[in-house]
Amino acid sequence: MLKSVTFEITGDQRLACEGCEQRVERLLKALPGVRQARAKATDQTIGVLFDTAVLKPTAVAERLVKAGYQTRVGGSTSDPGQ
C-alpha cells in the first residue's frame, strides 16, 4: 500500500535553496520503496510517497536526521487502491 507523509522541518537546519531541496529529494529517492519525494523550502516541508510493504515512516525520518534535518510528521494519507 502506498502512503503519503509530509514531514515539517522543526530544527535549526533549514531548506534554504533549490539545491537543498534537490539534495533532500535525491537522498530520499535512494531509499527502497520511495516512489516520490518533494522538498519545499518555501514552507519547510518534505512530502514523501512510499510503499509501506517496503519502508516504514520512521526509516524516512531517520534518513532525514542523518542528513541534519529534525522533523515532525505534519500529515499522512494512505492509498489502498495501489
PDB file of N, CA and C in Angstrom:
ATOM      1  N   MET A   1       0.838  -1.173   0.000  1.00  0.00           N
ATOM      2  CA  MET A   1       0.000   0.000   0.000  1.00  0.00           C
ATOM      3  C   MET A   1       0.890   1.246   0.000  1.00  0.00           C
ATOM      4  N   LEU A   2       0.500   2.217  -0.789  1.00  0.00           N
ATOM      5  CA  LEU A   2       1.248   3.464  -0.820  1.00  0.00           C
ATOM      6  C   LEU A   2       0.748   4.402   0.261  1.00  0.00           C
ATOM      7  N   LYS A   3       1.676   5.117   0.844  1.00  0.00           N
ATOM      8  CA  LYS A   3       1.344   6.081   1.890  1.00  0.00           C
ATOM      9  C   LYS A   3       2.070   7.380   1.579  1.00  0.00           C
ATOM     10  N   SER A   4       1.381   8.478   1.796  1.00  0.00           N
ATOM     11  CA  SER A   4       1.969   9.794   1.609  1.00  0.00           C
ATOM     12  C   SER A   4       2.117  10.444   2.981  1.00  0.00           C
ATOM     13  N   VAL A   5       3.341  10.882   3.295  1.00  0.00           N
ATOM     14  CA  VAL A   5       3.607  11.536   4.571  1.00  0.00           C
ATOM     15  C   VAL A   5       4.291  12.862   4.303  1.00  0.00           C
ATOM     16  N   THR A   6       3.861  13.891   5.023  1.00  0.00           N
ATOM     17  CA  THR A   6       4.513  15.191   4.948  1.00  0.00           C
ATOM     18  C   THR A   6       5.270  15.421   6.242  1.00  0.00           C
ATOM     19  N   PHE A   7       6.558  15.693   6.104  1.00  0.00           N
ATOM     20  CA  PHE A   7       7.407  15.995   7.248  1.00  0.00           C
ATOM     21  C   PHE A   7       7.626  17.504   7.303  1.00  0.00           C
ATOM     22  N   GLU A   8       7.438  18.095   8.473  1.00  0.00           N
ATOM     23  CA  GLU A   8       7.701  19.518   8.673  1.00  0.00           C
ATOM     24  C   GLU A   8       9.060  19.663   9.343  1.00  0.00           C
ATOM     25  N   ILE A   9       9.898  20.525   8.807  1.00  0.00           N
ATOM     26  CA  ILE A   9      11.224  20.738   9.392  1.00  0.00           C
ATOM     27  C   ILE A   9      11.072  21.612  10.626  1.00  0.00           C
ATOM     28  N   THR A  10      11.623  21.140  11.750  1.00  0.00           N
ATOM     29  CA  THR A  10      11.470  21.843  13.022  1.00  0.00           C
ATOM     30  C   THR A  10      12.796  22.296  13.627  1.00  0.00           C
ATOM     31  N   GLY A  11      13.894  21.766  13.151  1.00  0.00           N
ATOM     32  CA  GLY A  11      15.196  22.055  13.749  1.00  0.00           C
ATOM     33  C   GLY A  11      15.838  23.306  13.189  1.00  0.00           C
ATOM     34  N   ASP A  12      17.077  23.535  13.600  1.00  0.00           N
ATOM     35  CA  ASP A  12      17.826  24.710  13.169  1.00  0.00           C
ATOM     36  C   ASP A  12      18.235  24.644  11.705  1.00  0.00           C
ATOM     37  N   GLN A  13      18.585  23.447  11.214  1.00  0.00           N
ATOM     38  CA  GLN A  13      18.960  23.334   9.802  1.00  0.00           C
ATOM     39  C   GLN A  13      17.693  23.412   8.966  1.00  0.00           C
ATOM     40  N   ARG A  14      17.679  24.323   8.004  1.00  0.00           N
ATOM     41  CA  ARG A  14      16.505  24.576   7.181  1.00  0.00           C
ATOM     42  C   ARG A  14      16.805  24.305   5.709  1.00  0.00           C
ATOM     43  N   LEU A  15      15.757  24.138   4.933  1.00  0.00           N
ATOM     44  CA  LEU A  15      15.892  24.102   3.484  1.00  0.00           C
ATOM     45  C   LEU A  15      16.025  25.558   3.045  1.00  0.00           C
ATOM     46  N   ALA A  16      17.184  25.914   2.516  1.00  0.00           N
ATOM     47  CA  ALA A  16      17.446  27.323   2.217  1.00  0.00           C
ATOM     48  C   ALA A  16      17.337  27.660   0.733  1.00  0.00           C
ATOM     49  N   CYS A  17      17.446  26.650  -0.137  1.00  0.00           N
ATOM     50  CA  CYS A  17      17.501  26.956  -1.566  1.00  0.00           C
ATOM     51  C   CYS A  17      17.077  25.734  -2.379  1.00  0.00           C
ATOM     52  N   GLU A  18      17.044  25.925  -3.689  1.00  0.00           N
ATOM     53  CA  GLU A  18      16.684  24.832  -4.592  1.00  0.00           C
ATOM     54  C   GLU A  18      17.683  23.678  -4.496  1.00  0.00           C
ATOM     55  N   GLY A  19      18.947  24.002  -4.275  1.00  0.00           N
ATOM     56  CA  GLY A  19      19.964  22.961  -4.129  1.00  0.00           C
ATOM     57  C   GLY A  19      19.692  22.081  -2.918  1.00  0.00           C
ATOM     58  N   CYS A  20      19.260  22.687  -1.830  1.00  0.00           N
ATOM     59  CA  CYS A  20      18.904  21.918  -0.624  1.00  0.00           C
ATOM     60  C   CYS A  20      17.717  21.001  -0.915  1.00  0.00           C
ATOM     61  N   GLU A  21      16.731  21.539  -1.622  1.00  0.00           N
ATOM     62  CA  GLU A  21      15.559  20.741  -1.980  1.00  0.00           C
ATOM     63  C   GLU A  21      15.974  19.522  -2.800  1.00  0.00           C
ATOM     64  N   GLN A  22      16.797  19.744  -3.802  1.00  0.00           N
ATOM     65  CA  GLN A  22      17.227  18.650  -4.680  1.00  0.00           C
ATOM     66  C   GLN A  22      18.042  17.613  -3.919  1.00  0.00           C
ATOM     67  N   ARG A  23      18.910  18.057  -3.024  1.00  0.00           N
ATOM     68  CA  ARG A  23      19.720  17.135  -2.230  1.00  0.00           C
ATOM     69  C   ARG A  23      18.835  16.216  -1.387  1.00  0.00           C
ATOM     70  N   VAL A  24      17.855  16.794  -0.702  1.00  0.00           N
ATOM     71  CA  VAL A  24      16.953  16.009   0.145  1.00  0.00           C
ATOM     72  C   VAL A  24      16.129  15.043  -0.708  1.00  0.00           C
ATOM     73  N   GLU A  25      15.636  15.508  -1.838  1.00  0.00           N
ATOM     74  CA  GLU A  25      14.856  14.641  -2.719  1.00  0.00           C
ATOM     75  C   GLU A  25      15.687  13.458  -3.201  1.00  0.00           C
ATOM     76  N   ARG A  26      16.933  13.701  -3.590  1.00  0.00           N
ATOM     77  CA  ARG A  26      17.812  12.611  -4.057  1.00  0.00           C
ATOM     78  C   ARG A  26      18.074  11.599  -2.952  1.00  0.00           C
ATOM     79  N   LEU A  27      18.363  12.065  -1.741  1.00  0.00           N
ATOM     80  CA  LEU A  27      18.692  11.110  -0.683  1.00  0.00           C
ATOM     81  C   LEU A  27      17.484  10.283  -0.281  1.00  0.00           C
ATOM     82  N   LEU A  28      16.286  10.854  -0.359  1.00  0.00           N
ATOM     83  CA  LEU A  28      15.091  10.073  -0.030  1.00  0.00           C
ATOM     84  C   LEU A  28      14.713   9.115  -1.154  1.00  0.00           C
ATOM     85  N   LYS A  29      14.851   9.546  -2.397  1.00  0.00           N
ATOM     86  CA  LYS A  29      14.529   8.664  -3.529  1.00  0.00           C
ATOM     87  C   LYS A  29      15.460   7.459  -3.591  1.00  0.00           C
ATOM     88  N   ALA A  30      16.610   7.544  -2.944  1.00  0.00           N
ATOM     89  CA  ALA A  30      17.551   6.424  -2.909  1.00  0.00           C
ATOM     90  C   ALA A  30      17.094   5.323  -1.944  1.00  0.00           C
ATOM     91  N   LEU A  31      16.137   5.631  -1.064  1.00  0.00           N
ATOM     92  CA  LEU A  31      15.626   4.625  -0.135  1.00  0.00           C
ATOM     93  C   LEU A  31      14.708   3.656  -0.875  1.00  0.00           C
ATOM     94  N   PRO A  32      14.860   2.345  -0.641  1.00  0.00           N
ATOM     95  CA  PRO A  32      13.966   1.370  -1.281  1.00  0.00           C
ATOM     96  C   PRO A  32      12.517   1.634  -0.872  1.00  0.00           C
ATOM     97  N   GLY A  33      11.611   1.652  -1.833  1.00  0.00           N
ATOM     98  CA  GLY A  33      10.194   1.849  -1.547  1.00  0.00           C
ATOM     99  C   GLY A  33       9.697   3.265  -1.755  1.00  0.00           C
ATOM    100  N   VAL A  34      10.594   4.239  -1.849  1.00  0.00           N
ATOM    101  CA  VAL A  34      10.169   5.624  -2.059  1.00  0.00           C
ATOM    102  C   VAL A  34       9.802   5.813  -3.527  1.00  0.00           C
ATOM    103  N   ARG A  35       8.585   6.255  -3.771  1.00  0.00           N
ATOM    104  CA  ARG A  35       8.108   6.489  -5.133  1.00  0.00           C
ATOM    105  C   ARG A  35       8.318   7.952  -5.537  1.00  0.00           C
ATOM    106  N   GLN A  36       8.078   8.871  -4.587  1.00  0.00           N
ATOM    107  CA  GLN A  36       8.235  10.296  -4.854  1.00  0.00           C
ATOM    108  C   GLN A  36       8.729  10.990  -3.595  1.00  0.00           C
ATOM    109  N   ALA A  37       9.491  12.059  -3.797  1.00  0.00           N
ATOM    110  CA  ALA A  37       9.912  12.913  -2.688  1.00  0.00           C
ATOM    111  C   ALA A  37       9.923  14.341  -3.211  1.00  0.00           C
ATOM    112  N   ARG A  38       9.343  15.241  -2.444  1.00  0.00           N
ATOM    113  CA  ARG A  38       9.274  16.647  -2.855  1.00  0.00           C
ATOM    114  C   ARG A  38       9.563  17.531  -1.651  1.00  0.00           C
ATOM    115  N   ALA A  39      10.690  18.213  -1.686  1.00  0.00           N
ATOM    116  CA  ALA A  39      11.079  19.137  -0.620  1.00  0.00           C
ATOM    117  C   ALA A  39      10.743  20.554  -1.067  1.00  0.00           C
ATOM    118  N   LYS A  40      10.193  21.352  -0.145  1.00  0.00           N
ATOM    119  CA  LYS A  40       9.824  22.727  -0.470  1.00  0.00           C
ATOM    120  C   LYS A  40      10.398  23.681   0.579  1.00  0.00           C
ATOM    121  N   ALA A  41      11.325  24.520   0.142  1.00  0.00           N
ATOM    122  CA  ALA A  41      11.939  25.492   1.036  1.00  0.00           C
ATOM    123  C   ALA A  41      10.944  26.574   1.456  1.00  0.00           C
ATOM    124  N   THR A  42       9.976  26.868   0.600  1.00  0.00           N
ATOM    125  CA  THR A  42       9.036  27.943   0.892  1.00  0.00           C
ATOM    126  C   THR A  42       8.228  27.710   2.159  1.00  0.00           C
ATOM    127  N   ASP A  43       7.867  26.450   2.424  1.00  0.00           N
ATOM    128  CA  ASP A  43       7.107  26.172   3.644  1.00  0.00           C
ATOM    129  C   ASP A  43       7.788  25.140   4.556  1.00  0.00           C
ATOM    130  N   GLN A  44       9.054  24.820   4.240  1.00  0.00           N
ATOM    131  CA  GLN A  44       9.857  23.918   5.069  1.00  0.00           C
ATOM    132  C   GLN A  44       9.169  22.567   5.277  1.00  0.00           C
ATOM    133  N   THR A  45       8.700  21.977   4.167  1.00  0.00           N
ATOM    134  CA  THR A  45       8.087  20.655   4.228  1.00  0.00           C
ATOM    135  C   THR A  45       8.739  19.718   3.231  1.00  0.00           C
ATOM    136  N   ILE A  46       8.618  18.425   3.536  1.00  0.00           N
ATOM    137  CA  ILE A  46       9.122  17.379   2.662  1.00  0.00           C
ATOM    138  C   ILE A  46       8.008  16.337   2.539  1.00  0.00           C
ATOM    139  N   GLY A  47       7.483  16.193   1.342  1.00  0.00           N
ATOM    140  CA  GLY A  47       6.438  15.211   1.092  1.00  0.00           C
ATOM    141  C   GLY A  47       7.048  13.954   0.501  1.00  0.00           C
ATOM    142  N   VAL A  48       6.637  12.802   1.033  1.00  0.00           N
ATOM    143  CA  VAL A  48       7.195  11.531   0.576  1.00  0.00           C
ATOM    144  C   VAL A  48       6.062  10.543   0.323  1.00  0.00           C
ATOM    145  N   LEU A  49       6.074   9.915  -0.855  1.00  0.00           N
ATOM    146  CA  LEU A  49       5.147   8.852  -1.195  1.00  0.00           C
ATOM    147  C   LEU A  49       5.953   7.563  -1.247  1.00  0.00           C
ATOM    148  N   PHE A  50       5.550   6.573  -0.447  1.00  0.00           N
ATOM    149  CA  PHE A  50       6.336   5.340  -0.353  1.00  0.00           C
ATOM    150  C   PHE A  50       5.443   4.135  -0.153  1.00  0.00           C
ATOM    151  N   ASP A  51       6.019   2.978  -0.401  1.00  0.00           N
ATOM    152  CA  ASP A  51       5.338   1.694  -0.264  1.00  0.00           C
ATOM    153  C   ASP A  51       5.549   1.180   1.160  1.00  0.00           C
ATOM    154  N   THR A  52       4.460   1.039   1.918  1.00  0.00           N
ATOM    155  CA  THR A  52       4.564   0.613   3.319  1.00  0.00           C
ATOM    156  C   THR A  52       4.983  -0.848   3.466  1.00  0.00           C
ATOM    157  N   ALA A  53       4.899  -1.619   2.386  1.00  0.00           N
ATOM    158  CA  ALA A  53       5.364  -3.008   2.440  1.00  0.00           C
ATOM    159  C   ALA A  53       6.890  -3.072   2.427  1.00  0.00           C
ATOM    160  N   VAL A  54       7.522  -2.002   1.984  1.00  0.00           N
ATOM    161  CA  VAL A  54       8.976  -1.965   1.845  1.00  0.00           C
ATOM    162  C   VAL A  54       9.635  -1.055   2.876  1.00  0.00           C
ATOM    163  N   LEU A  55       8.941   0.009   3.270  1.00  0.00           N
ATOM    164  CA  LEU A  55       9.562   1.063   4.069  1.00  0.00           C
ATOM    165  C   LEU A  55       8.599   1.593   5.129  1.00  0.00           C
ATOM    166  N   LYS A  56       9.130   1.904   6.287  1.00  0.00           N
ATOM    167  CA  LYS A  56       8.358   2.494   7.383  1.00  0.00           C
ATOM    168  C   LYS A  56       8.629   3.998   7.436  1.00  0.00           C
ATOM    169  N   PRO A  57       7.643   4.797   7.886  1.00  0.00           N
ATOM    170  CA  PRO A  57       7.864   6.240   8.001  1.00  0.00           C
ATOM    171  C   PRO A  57       9.041   6.587   8.906  1.00  0.00           C
ATOM    172  N   THR A  58       9.293   5.756   9.912  1.00  0.00           N
ATOM    173  CA  THR A  58      10.411   6.027  10.818  1.00  0.00           C
ATOM    174  C   THR A  58      11.746   5.951  10.083  1.00  0.00           C
ATOM    175  N   ALA A  59      11.841   5.098   9.070  1.00  0.00           N
ATOM    176  CA  ALA A  59      13.081   4.999   8.288  1.00  0.00           C
ATOM    177  C   ALA A  59      13.320   6.276   7.487  1.00  0.00           C
ATOM    178  N   VAL A  60      12.249   6.880   6.995  1.00  0.00           N
ATOM    179  CA  VAL A  60      12.362   8.145   6.275  1.00  0.00           C
ATOM    180  C   VAL A  60      12.835   9.233   7.242  1.00  0.00           C
ATOM    181  N   ALA A  61      12.203   9.295   8.410  1.00  0.00           N
ATOM    182  CA  ALA A  61      12.580  10.293   9.421  1.00  0.00           C
ATOM    183  C   ALA A  61      14.029  10.112   9.854  1.00  0.00           C
ATOM    184  N   GLU A  62      14.460   8.862  10.031  1.00  0.00           N
ATOM    185  CA  GLU A  62      15.848   8.599  10.421  1.00  0.00           C
ATOM    186  C   GLU A  62      16.820   9.070   9.342  1.00  0.00           C
ATOM    187  N   ARG A  63      16.461   8.885   8.083  1.00  0.00           N
ATOM    188  CA  ARG A  63      17.331   9.332   6.984  1.00  0.00           C
ATOM    189  C   ARG A  63      17.443  10.855   6.983  1.00  0.00           C
ATOM    190  N   LEU A  64      16.353  11.529   7.276  1.00  0.00           N
ATOM    191  CA  LEU A  64      16.381  12.990   7.349  1.00  0.00           C
ATOM    192  C   LEU A  64      17.247  13.470   8.509  1.00  0.00           C
ATOM    193  N   VAL A  65      17.184  12.777   9.640  1.00  0.00           N
ATOM    194  CA  VAL A  65      18.027  13.121  10.801  1.00  0.00           C
ATOM    195  C   VAL A  65      19.498  12.959  10.438  1.00  0.00           C
ATOM    196  N   LYS A  66      19.835  11.872   9.747  1.00  0.00           N
ATOM    197  CA  LYS A  66      21.222  11.657   9.325  1.00  0.00           C
ATOM    198  C   LYS A  66      21.707  12.774   8.408  1.00  0.00           C
ATOM    199  N   ALA A  67      20.789  13.374   7.648  1.00  0.00           N
ATOM    200  CA  ALA A  67      21.134  14.476   6.747  1.00  0.00           C
ATOM    201  C   ALA A  67      21.151  15.818   7.489  1.00  0.00           C
ATOM    202  N   GLY A  68      20.757  15.795   8.769  1.00  0.00           N
ATOM    203  CA  GLY A  68      20.818  17.010   9.580  1.00  0.00           C
ATOM    204  C   GLY A  68      19.497  17.727   9.778  1.00  0.00           C
ATOM    205  N   TYR A  69      18.393  17.116   9.348  1.00  0.00           N
ATOM    206  CA  TYR A  69      17.087  17.771   9.448  1.00  0.00           C
ATOM    207  C   TYR A  69      16.235  17.144  10.547  1.00  0.00           C
ATOM    208  N   GLN A  70      15.856  17.935  11.534  1.00  0.00           N
ATOM    209  CA  GLN A  70      14.909  17.497  12.559  1.00  0.00           C
ATOM    210  C   GLN A  70      13.507  17.755  12.013  1.00  0.00           C
ATOM    211  N   THR A  71      12.629  16.762  12.117  1.00  0.00           N
ATOM    212  CA  THR A  71      11.294  16.891  11.531  1.00  0.00           C
ATOM    213  C   THR A  71      10.233  16.352  12.464  1.00  0.00           C
ATOM    214  N   ARG A  72       8.998  16.661  12.114  1.00  0.00           N
ATOM    215  CA  ARG A  72       7.833  16.018  12.728  1.00  0.00           C
ATOM    216  C   ARG A  72       6.868  15.731  11.598  1.00  0.00           C
ATOM    217  N   VAL A  73       5.999  14.763  11.806  1.00  0.00           N
ATOM    218  CA  VAL A  73       5.023  14.399  10.780  1.00  0.00           C
ATOM    219  C   VAL A  73       3.912  15.436  10.794  1.00  0.00           C
ATOM    220  N   GLY A  74       3.696  16.055   9.635  1.00  0.00           N
ATOM    221  CA  GLY A  74       2.659  17.068   9.522  1.00  0.00           C
ATOM    222  C   GLY A  74       1.350  16.518   9.028  1.00  0.00           C
ATOM    223  N   GLY A  75       1.375  15.369   8.369  1.00  0.00           N
ATOM    224  CA  GLY A  75       0.163  14.752   7.847  1.00  0.00           C
ATOM    225  C   GLY A  75       0.493  13.508   7.058  1.00  0.00           C
ATOM    226  N   SER A  76      -0.504  12.639   6.899  1.00  0.00           N
ATOM    227  CA  SER A  76      -0.289  11.432   6.118  1.00  0.00           C
ATOM    228  C   SER A  76      -1.605  10.915   5.565  1.00  0.00           C
ATOM    229  N   THR A  77      -1.501  10.222   4.443  1.00  0.00           N
ATOM    230  CA  THR A  77      -2.657   9.578   3.834  1.00  0.00           C
ATOM    231  C   THR A  77      -2.222   8.238   3.262  1.00  0.00           C
ATOM    232  N   SER A  78      -3.142   7.303   3.200  1.00  0.00           N
ATOM    233  CA  SER A  78      -2.857   6.001   2.609  1.00  0.00           C
ATOM    234  C   SER A  78      -3.719   5.823   1.379  1.00  0.00           C
ATOM    235  N   ASP A  79      -3.206   5.064   0.426  1.00  0.00           N
ATOM    236  CA  ASP A  79      -3.939   4.775  -0.808  1.00  0.00           C
ATOM    237  C   ASP A  79      -4.063   3.257  -0.951  1.00  0.00           C
ATOM    238  N   PRO A  80      -5.157   2.683  -0.454  1.00  0.00           N
ATOM    239  CA  PRO A  80      -5.302   1.223  -0.519  1.00  0.00           C
ATOM    240  C   PRO A  80      -5.500   0.698  -1.934  1.00  0.00           C
ATOM    241  N   GLY A  81      -5.820   1.568  -2.884  1.00  0.00           N
ATOM    242  CA  GLY A  81      -6.054   1.144  -4.253  1.00  0.00           C
ATOM    243  C   GLY A  81      -4.779   0.878  -5.023  1.00  0.00           C
ATOM    244  N   GLN A  82      -3.632   1.152  -4.464  1.00  0.00           N
ATOM    245  CA  GLN A  82      -2.369   0.960  -5.184  1.00  0.00           C
ATOM    246  C   GLN A  82      -1.773  -0.382  -4.873  1.00  0.00           C
TER     247      GLN A  82
END
